[in-house]
C-alpha atoms as a PDB file:
ATOM      1  CA  MET A   1     154.848 -84.867 -26.419  1.00  0.00           C
ATOM      2  CA  ILE A   2     154.359 -82.229 -23.719  1.00  0.00           C
ATOM      3  CA  THR A   3     152.511 -79.171 -25.051  1.00  0.00           C
ATOM      4  CA  LYS A   4     151.344 -77.458 -21.848  1.00  0.00           C
ATOM      5  CA  ALA A   5     153.168 -75.300 -19.299  1.00  0.00           C
ATOM      6  CA  ILE A   6     152.284 -73.451 -16.093  1.00  0.00           C
ATOM      7  CA  ILE A   7     153.908 -70.145 -15.113  1.00  0.00           C
ATOM      8  CA  PRO A   8     152.972 -68.587 -11.734  1.00  0.00           C
ATOM      9  CA  VAL A   9     153.273 -64.787 -11.799  1.00  0.00           C
ATOM     10  CA  ALA A  10     150.938 -63.758  -8.972  1.00  0.00           C
ATOM     11  CA  GLY A  11     152.171 -62.207  -5.736  1.00  0.00           C
ATOM     12  CA  TRP A  12     153.080 -58.733  -4.588  1.00  0.00           C
ATOM     13  CA  GLY A  13     156.847 -58.888  -5.190  1.00  0.00           C
ATOM     14  CA  THR A  14     157.483 -57.356  -1.774  1.00  0.00           C
ATOM     15  CA  ARG A  15     161.265 -57.818  -1.992  1.00  0.00           C
ATOM     16  CA  ARG A  16     161.296 -55.360  -4.891  1.00  0.00           C
ATOM     17  CA  LEU A  17     159.245 -52.593  -3.294  1.00  0.00           C
ATOM     18  CA  PRO A  18     158.657 -49.757  -4.000  1.00  0.00           C
ATOM     19  CA  ILE A  19     158.920 -50.373  -7.778  1.00  0.00           C
ATOM     20  CA  THR A  20     156.520 -53.343  -7.586  1.00  0.00           C
ATOM     21  CA  LYS A  21     153.765 -50.994  -6.436  1.00  0.00           C
ATOM     22  CA  ILE A  22     153.343 -50.076 -10.099  1.00  0.00           C
ATOM     23  CA  ILE A  23     155.239 -52.767 -12.058  1.00  0.00           C
ATOM     24  CA  GLU A  24     154.521 -56.456 -11.555  1.00  0.00           C
ATOM     25  CA  LYS A  25     157.689 -58.338 -10.626  1.00  0.00           C
ATOM     26  CA  SER A  26     157.472 -60.638 -13.644  1.00  0.00           C
ATOM     27  CA  MET A  27     157.208 -57.558 -15.899  1.00  0.00           C
ATOM     28  CA  LEU A  28     160.415 -55.892 -14.696  1.00  0.00           C
ATOM     29  CA  PRO A  29     162.611 -55.338 -17.776  1.00  0.00           C
ATOM     30  CA  VAL A  30     165.684 -57.441 -18.433  1.00  0.00           C
ATOM     31  CA  GLY A  31     167.315 -56.022 -21.516  1.00  0.00           C
ATOM     32  CA  ASN A  32     164.436 -55.042 -23.775  1.00  0.00           C
ATOM     33  CA  ARG A  33     161.938 -57.654 -22.610  1.00  0.00           C
ATOM     34  CA  PRO A  34     159.954 -58.401 -19.454  1.00  0.00           C
ATOM     35  CA  LEU A  35     161.500 -60.945 -17.117  1.00  0.00           C
ATOM     36  CA  VAL A  36     158.766 -63.551 -17.637  1.00  0.00           C
ATOM     37  CA  ASP A  37     159.017 -63.371 -21.430  1.00  0.00           C
ATOM     38  CA  TYR A  38     162.356 -65.190 -21.415  1.00  0.00           C
ATOM     39  CA  SER A  39     160.590 -68.260 -20.029  1.00  0.00           C
ATOM     40  CA  VAL A  40     157.591 -67.821 -22.347  1.00  0.00           C
ATOM     41  CA  GLN A  41     159.712 -67.649 -25.504  1.00  0.00           C
ATOM     42  CA  GLU A  42     161.880 -70.560 -24.348  1.00  0.00           C
ATOM     43  CA  LEU A  43     158.815 -72.740 -23.752  1.00  0.00           C
ATOM     44  CA  ILE A  44     157.354 -71.834 -27.147  1.00  0.00           C
ATOM     45  CA  LYS A  45     160.604 -72.834 -28.880  1.00  0.00           C
ATOM     46  CA  ALA A  46     160.444 -76.162 -27.019  1.00  0.00           C
ATOM     47  CA  GLY A  47     157.023 -76.933 -28.514  1.00  0.00           C
ATOM     48  CA  ILE A  48     154.623 -75.624 -25.875  1.00  0.00           C
ATOM     49  CA  LYS A  49     151.269 -74.555 -27.321  1.00  0.00           C
ATOM     50  CA  ASP A  50     149.225 -73.797 -24.186  1.00  0.00           C
ATOM     51  CA  ILE A  51     150.630 -71.653 -21.370  1.00  0.00           C
ATOM     52  CA  TYR A  52     148.678 -71.266 -18.131  1.00  0.00           C
ATOM     53  CA  MET A  53     149.595 -68.018 -16.384  1.00  0.00           C
ATOM     54  CA  VAL A  54     148.571 -67.781 -12.735  1.00  0.00           C
ATOM     55  CA  ILE A  55     148.038 -64.073 -12.151  1.00  0.00           C
ATOM     56  CA  SER A  56     146.927 -61.890  -9.268  1.00  0.00           C
ATOM     57  CA  ASN A  57     143.249 -60.934  -9.210  1.00  0.00           C
ATOM     58  CA  VAL A  58     144.265 -57.271  -8.870  1.00  0.00           C
ATOM     59  CA  GLU A  59     143.507 -55.170 -11.955  1.00  0.00           C
ATOM     60  CA  PRO A  60     144.903 -54.042 -14.282  1.00  0.00           C
ATOM     61  CA  CYS A  61     147.084 -57.067 -15.061  1.00  0.00           C
ATOM     62  CA  GLN A  62     150.217 -56.000 -16.922  1.00  0.00           C
ATOM     63  CA  VAL A  63     151.102 -59.566 -17.955  1.00  0.00           C
ATOM     64  CA  ARG A  64     147.741 -59.980 -19.676  1.00  0.00           C
ATOM     65  CA  GLU A  65     148.123 -56.611 -21.401  1.00  0.00           C
ATOM     66  CA  PHE A  66     151.603 -57.474 -22.676  1.00  0.00           C
ATOM     67  CA  TYR A  67     150.526 -60.730 -24.313  1.00  0.00           C
ATOM     68  CA  LYS A  68     147.503 -59.389 -26.168  1.00  0.00           C
ATOM     69  CA  ASP A  69     147.643 -57.477 -29.432  1.00  0.00           C
ATOM     70  CA  ASN A  70     147.807 -53.686 -29.200  1.00  0.00           C
ATOM     71  CA  LEU A  71     145.617 -52.882 -32.192  1.00  0.00           C
ATOM     72  CA  ALA A  72     146.276 -49.139 -32.111  1.00  0.00           C
ATOM     73  CA  LEU A  73     150.040 -49.701 -32.056  1.00  0.00           C
ATOM     74  CA  ASN A  74     149.823 -52.256 -34.866  1.00  0.00           C
ATOM     75  CA  LEU A  75     147.856 -49.819 -37.039  1.00  0.00           C
ATOM     76  CA  TYR A  76     150.351 -47.024 -36.322  1.00  0.00           C
ATOM     77  CA  LEU A  77     153.299 -49.222 -37.359  1.00  0.00           C
ATOM     78  CA  LYS A  78     151.559 -50.489 -40.515  1.00  0.00           C
ATOM     79  CA  GLU A  79     150.640 -46.987 -41.668  1.00  0.00           C
ATOM     80  CA  ARG A  80     154.255 -45.888 -41.340  1.00  0.00           C
ATOM     81  CA  GLY A  81     155.727 -48.976 -42.975  1.00  0.00           C
ATOM     82  CA  LYS A  82     157.596 -50.055 -39.851  1.00  0.00           C
ATOM     83  CA  ASN A  83     157.203 -53.767 -40.485  1.00  0.00           C
ATOM     84  CA  ASP A  84     160.310 -54.671 -38.509  1.00  0.00           C
ATOM     85  CA  ARG A  85     158.807 -52.976 -35.442  1.00  0.00           C
ATOM     86  CA  LEU A  86     155.464 -54.656 -36.113  1.00  0.00           C
ATOM     87  CA  GLU A  87     157.120 -58.044 -35.774  1.00  0.00           C
ATOM     88  CA  LEU A  88     158.637 -57.001 -32.430  1.00  0.00           C
ATOM     89  CA  ALA A  89     155.212 -55.912 -31.192  1.00  0.00           C
ATOM     90  CA  LYS A  90     153.819 -59.397 -31.824  1.00  0.00           C
ATOM     91  CA  THR A  91     154.536 -61.304 -28.599  1.00  0.00           C
ATOM     92  CA  LEU A  92     152.955 -64.672 -29.455  1.00  0.00           C
ATOM     93  CA  PRO A  93     153.226 -66.748 -32.645  1.00  0.00           C
ATOM     94  CA  GLU A  94     150.189 -68.315 -34.288  1.00  0.00           C
ATOM     95  CA  GLY A  95     148.996 -71.474 -32.579  1.00  0.00           C
ATOM     96  CA  VAL A  96     150.166 -70.521 -29.069  1.00  0.00           C
ATOM     97  CA  ARG A  97     147.557 -69.619 -26.467  1.00  0.00           C
ATOM     98  CA  ILE A  98     147.891 -68.123 -23.004  1.00  0.00           C
ATOM     99  CA  HIS A  99     145.196 -68.989 -20.487  1.00  0.00           C
ATOM    100  CA  TYR A 100     144.832 -66.973 -17.274  1.00  0.00           C
ATOM    101  CA  VAL A 101     143.949 -68.236 -13.807  1.00  0.00           C
ATOM    102  CA  SER A 102     143.431 -65.744 -10.981  1.00  0.00           C
ATOM    103  CA  GLN A 103     144.963 -66.304  -7.547  1.00  0.00           C
ATOM    104  CA  ASP A 104     143.789 -64.336  -4.511  1.00  0.00           C
ATOM    105  CA  PRO A 105     146.902 -62.717  -2.950  1.00  0.00           C
ATOM    106  CA  SER A 106     145.252 -62.956   0.475  1.00  0.00           C
ATOM    107  CA  GLY A 107     144.530 -66.668   0.130  1.00  0.00           C
ATOM    108  CA  LYS A 108     146.732 -69.755   0.375  1.00  0.00           C
ATOM    109  CA  TYR A 109     150.334 -68.972  -0.524  1.00  0.00           C
ATOM    110  CA  GLY A 110     153.248 -71.007  -1.875  1.00  0.00           C
ATOM    111  CA  THR A 111     154.573 -72.732  -4.993  1.00  0.00           C
ATOM    112  CA  ALA A 112     152.055 -75.598  -4.836  1.00  0.00           C
ATOM    113  CA  VAL A 113     148.967 -73.366  -4.900  1.00  0.00           C
ATOM    114  CA  PRO A 114     149.104 -72.066  -8.511  1.00  0.00           C
ATOM    115  CA  VAL A 115     149.607 -75.608  -9.808  1.00  0.00           C
ATOM    116  CA  MET A 116     146.511 -76.753  -7.924  1.00  0.00           C
ATOM    117  CA  LEU A 117     144.484 -73.837  -9.322  1.00  0.00           C
ATOM    118  CA  VAL A 118     145.408 -74.622 -12.940  1.00  0.00           C
ATOM    119  CA  VAL A 119     144.874 -78.379 -12.617  1.00  0.00           C
ATOM    120  CA  GLU A 120     141.415 -77.915 -11.136  1.00  0.00           C
ATOM    121  CA  GLU A 121     140.212 -75.081 -13.381  1.00  0.00           C
ATOM    122  CA  TYR A 122     141.412 -76.651 -16.628  1.00  0.00           C
ATOM    123  CA  LYS A 123     141.103 -80.343 -15.643  1.00  0.00           C
ATOM    124  CA  ILE A 124     144.750 -80.999 -16.567  1.00  0.00           C
ATOM    125  CA  ASP A 125     145.357 -84.751 -16.848  1.00  0.00           C
ATOM    126  CA  GLU A 126     148.622 -84.875 -18.787  1.00  0.00           C
ATOM    127  CA  PRO A 127     152.271 -83.978 -18.057  1.00  0.00           C
ATOM    128  CA  VAL A 128     153.139 -80.277 -17.927  1.00  0.00           C
ATOM    129  CA  LEU A 129     156.198 -78.088 -17.600  1.00  0.00           C
ATOM    130  CA  LEU A 130     156.242 -75.758 -14.602  1.00  0.00           C
ATOM    131  CA  PHE A 131     158.451 -72.639 -14.738  1.00  0.00           C
ATOM    132  CA  MET A 132     158.429 -70.026 -11.981  1.00  0.00           C
ATOM    133  CA  GLY A 133     157.904 -66.546 -13.408  1.00  0.00           C
ATOM    134  CA  ASP A 134     160.628 -64.498 -11.714  1.00  0.00           C
ATOM    135  CA  ASP A 135     163.788 -66.119 -13.103  1.00  0.00           C
ATOM    136  CA  PHE A 136     165.148 -67.874 -16.183  1.00  0.00           C
ATOM    137  CA  ILE A 137     168.151 -69.903 -17.308  1.00  0.00           C
ATOM    138  CA  TRP A 138     170.577 -68.024 -19.556  1.00  0.00           C
ATOM    139  CA  ASN A 139     172.480 -70.398 -21.821  1.00  0.00           C
ATOM    140  CA  PRO A 140     173.085 -68.773 -25.234  1.00  0.00           C
ATOM    141  CA  GLY A 141     174.353 -71.316 -27.736  1.00  0.00           C
ATOM    142  CA  GLY A 142     173.530 -74.156 -25.341  1.00  0.00           C
ATOM    143  CA  GLU A 143     170.536 -76.212 -24.314  1.00  0.00           C
ATOM    144  CA  SER A 144     167.619 -74.331 -22.771  1.00  0.00           C
ATOM    145  CA  ALA A 145     166.100 -75.391 -19.454  1.00  0.00           C
ATOM    146  CA  ALA A 146     162.980 -76.672 -21.218  1.00  0.00           C
ATOM    147  CA  GLU A 147     165.062 -78.661 -23.717  1.00  0.00           C
ATOM    148  CA  THR A 148     167.122 -80.196 -20.902  1.00  0.00           C
ATOM    149  CA  LEU A 149     164.025 -81.311 -18.995  1.00  0.00           C
ATOM    150  CA  LEU A 150     162.281 -82.699 -22.074  1.00  0.00           C
ATOM    151  CA  ARG A 151     165.386 -84.571 -23.208  1.00  0.00           C
ATOM    152  CA  THR A 152     165.800 -86.052 -19.740  1.00  0.00           C
ATOM    153  CA  VAL A 153     162.331 -87.655 -19.587  1.00  0.00           C
ATOM    154  CA  GLY A 154     162.241 -88.606 -23.275  1.00  0.00           C
ATOM    155  CA  ASP A 155     159.143 -90.623 -24.151  1.00  0.00           C
ATOM    156  CA  SER A 156     158.586 -91.786 -20.576  1.00  0.00           C
ATOM    157  CA  ASN A 157     155.881 -90.609 -18.202  1.00  0.00           C
ATOM    158  CA  ASP A 158     158.462 -89.706 -15.558  1.00  0.00           C
ATOM    159  CA  CYS A 159     158.862 -86.364 -13.815  1.00  0.00           C
ATOM    160  CA  ALA A 160     161.968 -84.173 -13.839  1.00  0.00           C
ATOM    161  CA  ILE A 161     163.434 -81.329 -11.822  1.00  0.00           C
ATOM    162  CA  LEU A 162     166.092 -78.892 -13.010  1.00  0.00           C
ATOM    163  CA  GLY A 163     169.147 -78.435 -10.820  1.00  0.00           C
ATOM    164  CA  MET A 164     172.289 -76.328 -10.811  1.00  0.00           C
ATOM    165  CA  LYS A 165     175.580 -76.521  -8.942  1.00  0.00           C
ATOM    166  CA  ALA A 166     175.693 -74.367  -5.813  1.00  0.00           C
ATOM    167  CA  THR A 167     178.000 -73.603  -2.902  1.00  0.00           C
ATOM    168  CA  ASP A 168     177.034 -74.487   0.688  1.00  0.00           C
ATOM    169  CA  GLU A 169     176.028 -70.892   1.274  1.00  0.00           C
ATOM    170  CA  GLU A 170     174.011 -70.654  -1.940  1.00  0.00           C
ATOM    171  CA  ILE A 171     172.173 -73.943  -1.486  1.00  0.00           C
ATOM    172  CA  SER A 172     170.584 -72.712   1.747  1.00  0.00           C
ATOM    173  CA  LYS A 173     168.507 -70.335  -0.394  1.00  0.00           C
ATOM    174  CA  TYR A 174     167.093 -73.162  -2.526  1.00  0.00           C
ATOM    175  CA  ALA A 175     165.938 -76.760  -2.231  1.00  0.00           C
ATOM    176  CA  ALA A 176     168.823 -79.251  -2.097  1.00  0.00           C
ATOM    177  CA  LEU A 177     168.539 -82.271  -4.411  1.00  0.00           C
ATOM    178  CA  SER A 178     169.988 -85.699  -3.617  1.00  0.00           C
ATOM    179  CA  TYR A 179     169.827 -88.424  -6.259  1.00  0.00           C
ATOM    180  CA  ASP A 180     171.028 -91.947  -7.002  1.00  0.00           C
ATOM    181  CA  ASN A 181     173.354 -93.324  -9.683  1.00  0.00           C
ATOM    182  CA  ASN A 182     170.505 -93.200 -12.202  1.00  0.00           C
ATOM    183  CA  ASN A 183     170.003 -89.470 -11.525  1.00  0.00           C
ATOM    184  CA  LEU A 184     166.648 -90.184  -9.854  1.00  0.00           C
ATOM    185  CA  LEU A 185     165.681 -87.913  -6.983  1.00  0.00           C
ATOM    186  CA  THR A 186     165.951 -89.570  -3.565  1.00  0.00           C
ATOM    187  CA  GLU A 187     165.525 -86.558  -1.273  1.00  0.00           C
ATOM    188  CA  ILE A 188     164.639 -82.893  -1.504  1.00  0.00           C
ATOM    189  CA  VAL A 189     165.358 -80.544   1.405  1.00  0.00           C
ATOM    190  CA  GLU A 190     163.914 -77.029   1.332  1.00  0.00           C
ATOM    191  CA  LYS A 191     166.415 -74.278   2.289  1.00  0.00           C
ATOM    192  CA  PRO A 192     168.800 -76.490   4.300  1.00  0.00           C
ATOM    193  CA  THR A 193     171.161 -75.079   6.901  1.00  0.00           C
ATOM    194  CA  PRO A 194     174.665 -74.826   5.346  1.00  0.00           C
ATOM    195  CA  GLY A 195     176.656 -77.999   5.950  1.00  0.00           C
ATOM    196  CA  THR A 196     173.660 -80.218   6.712  1.00  0.00           C
ATOM    197  CA  VAL A 197     173.287 -81.783   3.248  1.00  0.00           C
ATOM    198  CA  SER A 198     175.827 -83.764   1.247  1.00  0.00           C
ATOM    199  CA  THR A 199     174.689 -82.533  -2.178  1.00  0.00           C
ATOM    200  CA  ASN A 200     175.796 -79.410  -4.056  1.00  0.00           C
ATOM    201  CA  ILE A 201     172.848 -79.460  -6.490  1.00  0.00           C
ATOM    202  CA  ALA A 202     170.055 -76.951  -5.914  1.00  0.00           C
ATOM    203  CA  SER A 203     166.613 -76.790  -7.485  1.00  0.00           C
ATOM    204  CA  VAL A 204     165.932 -73.776  -9.712  1.00  0.00           C
ATOM    205  CA  GLY A 205     162.144 -74.014  -9.812  1.00  0.00           C
ATOM    206  CA  LYS A 206     161.654 -75.716 -13.173  1.00  0.00           C
ATOM    207  CA  TYR A 207     159.940 -79.082 -13.492  1.00  0.00           C
ATOM    208  CA  ILE A 208     158.111 -81.665 -15.550  1.00  0.00           C
ATOM    209  CA  LEU A 209     155.128 -82.888 -13.536  1.00  0.00           C
ATOM    210  CA  ASN A 210     153.157 -85.974 -14.596  1.00  0.00           C
ATOM    211  CA  GLN A 211     149.502 -86.705 -13.840  1.00  0.00           C
ATOM    212  CA  GLU A 212     150.263 -88.600 -10.631  1.00  0.00           C
ATOM    213  CA  LEU A 213     152.355 -85.797  -9.167  1.00  0.00           C
ATOM    214  CA  LEU A 214     149.829 -83.153 -10.233  1.00  0.00           C
ATOM    215  CA  GLN A 215     147.153 -84.976  -8.242  1.00  0.00           C
ATOM    216  CA  GLU A 216     149.542 -85.285  -5.296  1.00  0.00           C
ATOM    217  CA  ILE A 217     149.967 -81.499  -5.376  1.00  0.00           C
ATOM    218  CA  VAL A 218     146.190 -80.920  -5.474  1.00  0.00           C
ATOM    219  CA  LYS A 219     145.687 -83.320  -2.570  1.00  0.00           C
ATOM    220  CA  TYR A 220     148.433 -81.656  -0.515  1.00  0.00           C
ATOM    221  CA  VAL A 221     146.926 -78.172  -0.854  1.00  0.00           C
ATOM    222  CA  HIS A 222     143.411 -79.346   0.023  1.00  0.00           C
ATOM    223  CA  GLU A 223     144.379 -81.582   2.935  1.00  0.00           C
ATOM    224  CA  ASN A 224     146.480 -78.966   4.757  1.00  0.00           C
ATOM    225  CA  ASN A 225     145.258 -75.779   6.367  1.00  0.00           C
ATOM    226  CA  PHE A 226     148.297 -73.645   7.083  1.00  0.00           C
ATOM    227  CA  GLY A 227     147.588 -70.276   8.636  1.00  0.00           C
ATOM    228  CA  PRO A 228     149.029 -66.999   7.275  1.00  0.00           C
ATOM    229  CA  ASN A 229     151.873 -67.140   9.803  1.00  0.00           C
ATOM    230  CA  ASP A 230     152.562 -70.857   9.286  1.00  0.00           C
ATOM    231  CA  GLN A 231     154.536 -72.508   6.496  1.00  0.00           C
ATOM    232  CA  GLU A 232     153.895 -71.922   2.816  1.00  0.00           C
ATOM    233  CA  TYR A 233     152.342 -74.568   0.596  1.00  0.00           C
ATOM    234  CA  MET A 234     155.672 -75.604  -0.910  1.00  0.00           C
ATOM    235  CA  ILE A 235     155.714 -77.832  -3.977  1.00  0.00           C
ATOM    236  CA  THR A 236     158.699 -79.668  -2.499  1.00  0.00           C
ATOM    237  CA  ASP A 237     156.395 -81.326   0.060  1.00  0.00           C
ATOM    238  CA  PRO A 238     154.229 -83.250  -2.436  1.00  0.00           C
ATOM    239  CA  ILE A 239     157.329 -83.974  -4.532  1.00  0.00           C
ATOM    240  CA  GLU A 240     158.887 -85.650  -1.502  1.00  0.00           C
ATOM    241  CA  THR A 241     155.688 -87.646  -0.935  1.00  0.00           C
ATOM    242  CA  TYR A 242     155.614 -88.685  -4.600  1.00  0.00           C
ATOM    243  CA  VAL A 243     159.225 -89.893  -4.494  1.00  0.00           C
ATOM    244  CA  LYS A 244     158.708 -91.793  -1.216  1.00  0.00           C
ATOM    245  CA  LYS A 245     155.788 -93.614  -2.845  1.00  0.00           C
ATOM    246  CA  GLY A 246     158.130 -94.797  -5.596  1.00  0.00           C
ATOM    247  CA  GLY A 247     157.549 -92.055  -8.145  1.00  0.00           C
ATOM    248  CA  ARG A 248     160.378 -91.380 -10.581  1.00  0.00           C
ATOM    249  CA  MET A 249     161.733 -87.846 -10.814  1.00  0.00           C
ATOM    250  CA  HIS A 250     164.918 -87.283 -12.801  1.00  0.00           C
ATOM    251  CA  VAL A 251     167.400 -84.637 -11.715  1.00  0.00           C
ATOM    252  CA  ALA A 252     168.626 -82.725 -14.772  1.00  0.00           C
ATOM    253  CA  VAL A 253     171.563 -80.398 -14.113  1.00  0.00           C
ATOM    254  CA  THR A 254     171.693 -77.328 -16.352  1.00  0.00           C
ATOM    255  CA  SER A 255     174.900 -75.936 -17.804  1.00  0.00           C
ATOM    256  CA  GLY A 256     173.359 -72.463 -17.974  1.00  0.00           C
ATOM    257  CA  GLU A 257     173.196 -69.647 -15.440  1.00  0.00           C
ATOM    258  CA  GLN A 258     170.128 -68.801 -13.426  1.00  0.00           C
ATOM    259  CA  LEU A 259     169.200 -65.129 -13.741  1.00  0.00           C
ATOM    260  CA  ASP A 260     166.818 -63.934 -11.051  1.00  0.00           C
ATOM    261  CA  GLY A 261     164.785 -60.752 -10.910  1.00  0.00           C
ATOM    262  CA  GLY A 262     163.435 -61.318  -7.407  1.00  0.00           C
ATOM    263  CA  SER A 263     166.144 -59.216  -5.732  1.00  0.00           C
ATOM    264  CA  LEU A 264     167.609 -55.887  -6.827  1.00  0.00           C
ATOM    265  CA  GLU A 265     171.121 -57.355  -7.010  1.00  0.00           C
ATOM    266  CA  GLY A 266     169.922 -60.312  -9.066  1.00  0.00           C
ATOM    267  CA  TRP A 267     167.967 -58.080 -11.434  1.00  0.00           C
ATOM    268  CA  VAL A 268     170.956 -55.780 -12.024  1.00  0.00           C
ATOM    269  CA  HIS A 269     173.185 -58.801 -12.663  1.00  0.00           C
ATOM    270  CA  ALA A 270     170.625 -60.266 -15.088  1.00  0.00           C
ATOM    271  CA  ASN A 271     170.589 -57.030 -17.077  1.00  0.00           C
ATOM    272  CA  ASN A 272     174.383 -56.896 -17.152  1.00  0.00           C
ATOM    273  CA  VAL A 273     174.581 -60.465 -18.464  1.00  0.00           C
ATOM    274  CA  VAL A 274     171.817 -60.156 -21.064  1.00  0.00           C
ATOM    275  CA  CYS A 275     173.063 -56.803 -22.319  1.00  0.00           C
ATOM    276  CA  GLY A 276     176.580 -58.211 -22.651  1.00  0.00           C
ATOM    277  CA  CYS A 277     178.043 -55.702 -20.208  1.00  0.00           C
ATOM    278  CA  GLU A 278     180.063 -58.263 -18.261  1.00  0.00           C
ATOM    279  CA  ASP A 279     183.277 -59.943 -19.317  1.00  0.00           C
END
């Protein structure tokens, strides 16, 4: 049973400036909750007990503040008998822990780096879920992204990657996923030029990573020395290496909708959907 998850939430959120000067991108509100909390609550419901948040080393950290108890607020609510509000103020259930790993914003950059930091600091040697912190899958009444991934791997030690259907134009913003008749990944192409791939399935940045792939990610970050103006340390590179070596990664296609807070348009749309303002 997988009980650990990694959520990267570091970074400056430059696409959302100027608001991200004072509000971390993962803490932008969608409905009445921060963006990242949709992933956190989904992972908890799927059985995750330990969440590793990769945060910026810039203080104060709003994510850390949100997930710790506000003792003064709790006392205020208790004294006034507002027990329903007290429950809302409690962001984590008993038995769930959040661990924090700092990432230097001026250091190595890309989706592989936070995974490497967590694996090395906490000596992770078991499968984990990896959810990026600036989007979530909205599927009320249906299967969550975490449930889909966990169901797909079952009791095996395989990896999995979540995909969604996309148009040619949309897929150029993501990583394109090609897979065989057993739904096993055969190729992953980062941000392909429209019309150059035969698949219409795009990655949405949610994975199950086993021990072998975790070590492949660590090795990839350490063995490459990309400069600040070179390519990012993309997790798709070690995934491709893992698959070429014979590693098994299932492609699980979600029936939900990806809601993204990384752009202003995406954030507005996410709020409209969650608040039930759209038809």
